[in-house]
C-alpha atoms as a PDB file:
ATOM      1  CA  MET A   1      12.497 -26.052  38.181  1.00  0.00           C
ATOM      2  CA  PRO A   2      16.139 -26.665  38.464  1.00  0.00           C
ATOM      3  CA  SER A   3      18.279 -24.960  40.495  1.00  0.00           C
ATOM      4  CA  GLU A   4      21.000 -24.561  38.084  1.00  0.00           C
ATOM      5  CA  THR A   5      18.550 -22.295  36.948  1.00  0.00           C
ATOM      6  CA  PHE A   6      18.974 -19.641  39.035  1.00  0.00           C
ATOM      7  CA  SER A   7      22.787 -19.810  39.638  1.00  0.00           C
ATOM      8  CA  THR A   8      23.511 -17.256  39.394  1.00  0.00           C
ATOM      9  CA  TYR A   9      21.664 -15.329  42.405  1.00  0.00           C
ATOM     10  CA  GLU A  10      23.961 -17.387  44.195  1.00  0.00           C
ATOM     11  CA  LEU A  11      26.650 -15.192  43.099  1.00  0.00           C
ATOM     12  CA  ALA A  12      28.605 -13.097  45.911  1.00  0.00           C
ATOM     13  CA  GLU A  13      27.932  -9.742  43.517  1.00  0.00           C
ATOM     14  CA  ASN A  14      24.583 -10.888  42.893  1.00  0.00           C
ATOM     15  CA  THR A  15      22.520  -9.158  45.107  1.00  0.00           C
ATOM     16  CA  VAL A  16      18.936  -9.366  43.886  1.00  0.00           C
ATOM     17  CA  VAL A  17      17.610 -11.637  46.504  1.00  0.00           C
ATOM     18  CA  GLU A  18      19.647  -9.855  49.370  1.00  0.00           C
ATOM     19  CA  LYS A  19      17.155  -6.609  48.365  1.00  0.00           C
ATOM     20  CA  PHE A  20      14.180  -8.755  47.960  1.00  0.00           C
ATOM     21  CA  LEU A  21      13.969 -10.184  50.980  1.00  0.00           C
ATOM     22  CA  GLY A  22      16.019  -7.317  53.013  1.00  0.00           C
ATOM     23  CA  PHE A  23      18.493 -10.574  54.214  1.00  0.00           C
ATOM     24  CA  PRO A  24      21.914 -10.404  52.983  1.00  0.00           C
ATOM     25  CA  ASN A  25      22.565 -14.066  54.902  1.00  0.00           C
ATOM     26  CA  TRP A  26      19.539 -16.067  52.637  1.00  0.00           C
ATOM     27  CA  ARG A  27      23.065 -17.901  51.266  1.00  0.00           C
ATOM     28  CA  ALA A  28      23.818 -19.793  53.996  1.00  0.00           C
ATOM     29  CA  GLU A  29      20.248 -20.647  54.476  1.00  0.00           C
ATOM     30  CA  TRP A  30      19.778 -21.687  50.873  1.00  0.00           C
ATOM     31  CA  LEU A  31      22.617 -23.588  50.825  1.00  0.00           C
ATOM     32  CA  THR A  32      20.944 -25.559  53.648  1.00  0.00           C
ATOM     33  CA  ALA A  33      17.417 -25.734  51.863  1.00  0.00           C
ATOM     34  CA  LYS A  34      19.139 -26.909  48.635  1.00  0.00           C
ATOM     35  CA  ALA A  35      21.401 -29.678  50.069  1.00  0.00           C
ATOM     36  CA  LYS A  36      17.835 -31.151  51.169  1.00  0.00           C
ATOM     37  CA  ARG A  37      16.811 -30.149  47.525  1.00  0.00           C
ATOM     38  CA  GLU A  38      14.551 -28.168  48.513  1.00  0.00           C
ATOM     39  CA  SER A  39      13.340 -25.506  44.843  1.00  0.00           C
ATOM     40  CA  PHE A  40      14.331 -22.402  45.031  1.00  0.00           C
ATOM     41  CA  SER A  41      11.705 -20.808  44.230  1.00  0.00           C
ATOM     42  CA  SER A  42       9.822 -22.799  47.412  1.00  0.00           C
ATOM     43  CA  PHE A  43      12.842 -21.668  49.623  1.00  0.00           C
ATOM     44  CA  LEU A  44      12.452 -17.655  47.814  1.00  0.00           C
ATOM     45  CA  MET A  45       8.798 -17.958  48.889  1.00  0.00           C
ATOM     46  CA  LYS A  46       9.764 -19.434  52.665  1.00  0.00           C
ATOM     47  CA  GLN A  47      11.925 -16.902  53.272  1.00  0.00           C
ATOM     48  CA  PHE A  48       9.237 -13.643  52.081  1.00  0.00           C
ATOM     49  CA  SER A  49       6.840 -15.277  54.309  1.00  0.00           C
ATOM     50  CA  ASN A  50       9.390 -15.571  57.142  1.00  0.00           C
ATOM     51  CA  GLN A  51      10.436 -11.350  56.468  1.00  0.00           C
ATOM     52  CA  MET A  52       5.981 -10.404  56.700  1.00  0.00           C
ATOM     53  CA  GLN A  53       5.549 -12.578  59.044  1.00  0.00           C
ATOM     54  CA  ALA A  54       8.655 -10.118  61.258  1.00  0.00           C
ATOM     55  CA  ARG A  55       6.704  -7.722  60.369  1.00  0.00           C
ATOM     56  CA  ARG A  56       3.423  -9.181  62.054  1.00  0.00           C
ATOM     57  CA  TYR A  57       2.133 -10.076  58.843  1.00  0.00           C
ATOM     58  CA  ILE A  58       0.537 -14.010  58.915  1.00  0.00           C
ATOM     59  CA  GLN A  59       2.851 -16.576  57.634  1.00  0.00           C
ATOM     60  CA  VAL A  60       1.976 -17.816  53.987  1.00  0.00           C
ATOM     61  CA  PRO A  61       2.621 -21.950  53.728  1.00  0.00           C
ATOM     62  CA  VAL A  62       3.911 -22.477  50.006  1.00  0.00           C
ATOM     63  CA  ALA A  63       0.499 -24.344  49.781  1.00  0.00           C
ATOM     64  CA  GLU A  64      -1.096 -21.893  50.672  1.00  0.00           C
ATOM     65  CA  THR A  65      -0.083 -19.470  47.569  1.00  0.00           C
ATOM     66  CA  LYS A  66      -1.059 -20.186  43.604  1.00  0.00           C
ATOM     67  CA  LEU A  67       1.502 -20.916  40.473  1.00  0.00           C
ATOM     68  CA  VAL A  68       0.811 -19.167  38.123  1.00  0.00           C
ATOM     69  CA  ARG A  69       1.893 -20.235  34.658  1.00  0.00           C
ATOM     70  CA  SER A  70       1.989 -19.405  31.435  1.00  0.00           C
ATOM     71  CA  THR A  71      -0.375 -20.689  28.870  1.00  0.00           C
ATOM     72  CA  GLN A  72       1.948 -21.109  26.036  1.00  0.00           C
ATOM     73  CA  LYS A  73       4.541 -23.913  27.628  1.00  0.00           C
ATOM     74  CA  ASN A  74       3.166 -23.999  31.056  1.00  0.00           C
ATOM     75  CA  LEU A  75       6.014 -22.404  32.871  1.00  0.00           C
ATOM     76  CA  PRO A  76       5.973 -20.783  36.200  1.00  0.00           C
ATOM     77  CA  LEU A  77       5.621 -16.986  35.842  1.00  0.00           C
ATOM     78  CA  TYR A  78       4.925 -16.171  39.795  1.00  0.00           C
ATOM     79  CA  ARG A  79       3.725 -16.909  42.766  1.00  0.00           C
ATOM     80  CA  LEU A  80       0.328 -15.353  44.294  1.00  0.00           C
ATOM     81  CA  ALA A  81      -0.392 -14.959  48.092  1.00  0.00           C
ATOM     82  CA  LEU A  82      -1.988 -12.700  50.411  1.00  0.00           C
ATOM     83  CA  PHE A  83      -0.554 -11.557  53.801  1.00  0.00           C
ATOM     84  CA  THR A  84      -2.562 -10.219  55.872  1.00  0.00           C
ATOM     85  CA  ARG A  85      -2.784  -8.846  59.911  1.00  0.00           C
ATOM     86  CA  HIS A  86      -5.813 -10.558  60.603  1.00  0.00           C
ATOM     87  CA  GLU A  87      -7.529 -14.123  60.517  1.00  0.00           C
ATOM     88  CA  ARG A  88     -10.474 -13.122  58.580  1.00  0.00           C
ATOM     89  CA  GLY A  89      -8.007 -12.010  55.207  1.00  0.00           C
ATOM     90  CA  LYS A  90      -6.560 -15.615  55.477  1.00  0.00           C
ATOM     91  CA  GLY A  91      -9.929 -17.291  55.615  1.00  0.00           C
ATOM     92  CA  HIS A  92     -11.037 -15.161  52.111  1.00  0.00           C
ATOM     93  CA  TRP A  93      -8.042 -16.115  50.851  1.00  0.00           C
ATOM     94  CA  GLU A  94      -8.881 -19.917  51.458  1.00  0.00           C
ATOM     95  CA  GLN A  95     -11.977 -19.409  49.661  1.00  0.00           C
ATOM     96  CA  ALA A  96     -10.191 -17.792  47.094  1.00  0.00           C
ATOM     97  CA  LEU A  97      -7.957 -20.505  46.629  1.00  0.00           C
ATOM     98  CA  LYS A  98     -10.296 -23.839  46.731  1.00  0.00           C
ATOM     99  CA  TYR A  99     -13.084 -21.804  44.617  1.00  0.00           C
ATOM    100  CA  GLY A 100     -10.837 -20.019  42.025  1.00  0.00           C
ATOM    101  CA  SER A 101      -9.954 -21.601  38.869  1.00  0.00           C
ATOM    102  CA  ASP A 102      -7.386 -21.122  36.300  1.00  0.00           C
ATOM    103  CA  GLN A 103      -7.326 -18.104  33.989  1.00  0.00           C
ATOM    104  CA  LEU A 104      -6.336 -19.388  31.146  1.00  0.00           C
ATOM    105  CA  GLY A 105      -7.639 -15.940  28.927  1.00  0.00           C
ATOM    106  CA  LEU A 106      -9.237 -12.912  29.469  1.00  0.00           C
ATOM    107  CA  GLY A 107     -12.329 -14.535  27.032  1.00  0.00           C
ATOM    108  CA  PHE A 108     -11.711 -11.210  24.035  1.00  0.00           C
ATOM    109  CA  GLY A 109     -13.350 -12.119  20.960  1.00  0.00           C
ATOM    110  CA  LYS A 110     -14.975 -15.354  21.771  1.00  0.00           C
END
């Protein structure tokens, strides 16, 4: 997604990301990431993972998350990630990603 979509979050009076991350100085780091052409969603995922790691959870790289898209326009909706404090949980998540399939519908009426 283009970063312009998220420009409203960059406004100083918008505190949504600050409240979500619990990190008031996120904009300075976002400017650095933006200059490196990182997407806003990737940046948010990395920052959230950093905050979870500070709470003793195993850090989750963006590549180990599952992007869920809408079925009609294939637009990104959200990312799924598993934060755990034990390597066994991480192993289960890796297996779910490896063998899981995209669910496009619930199958009702088939």
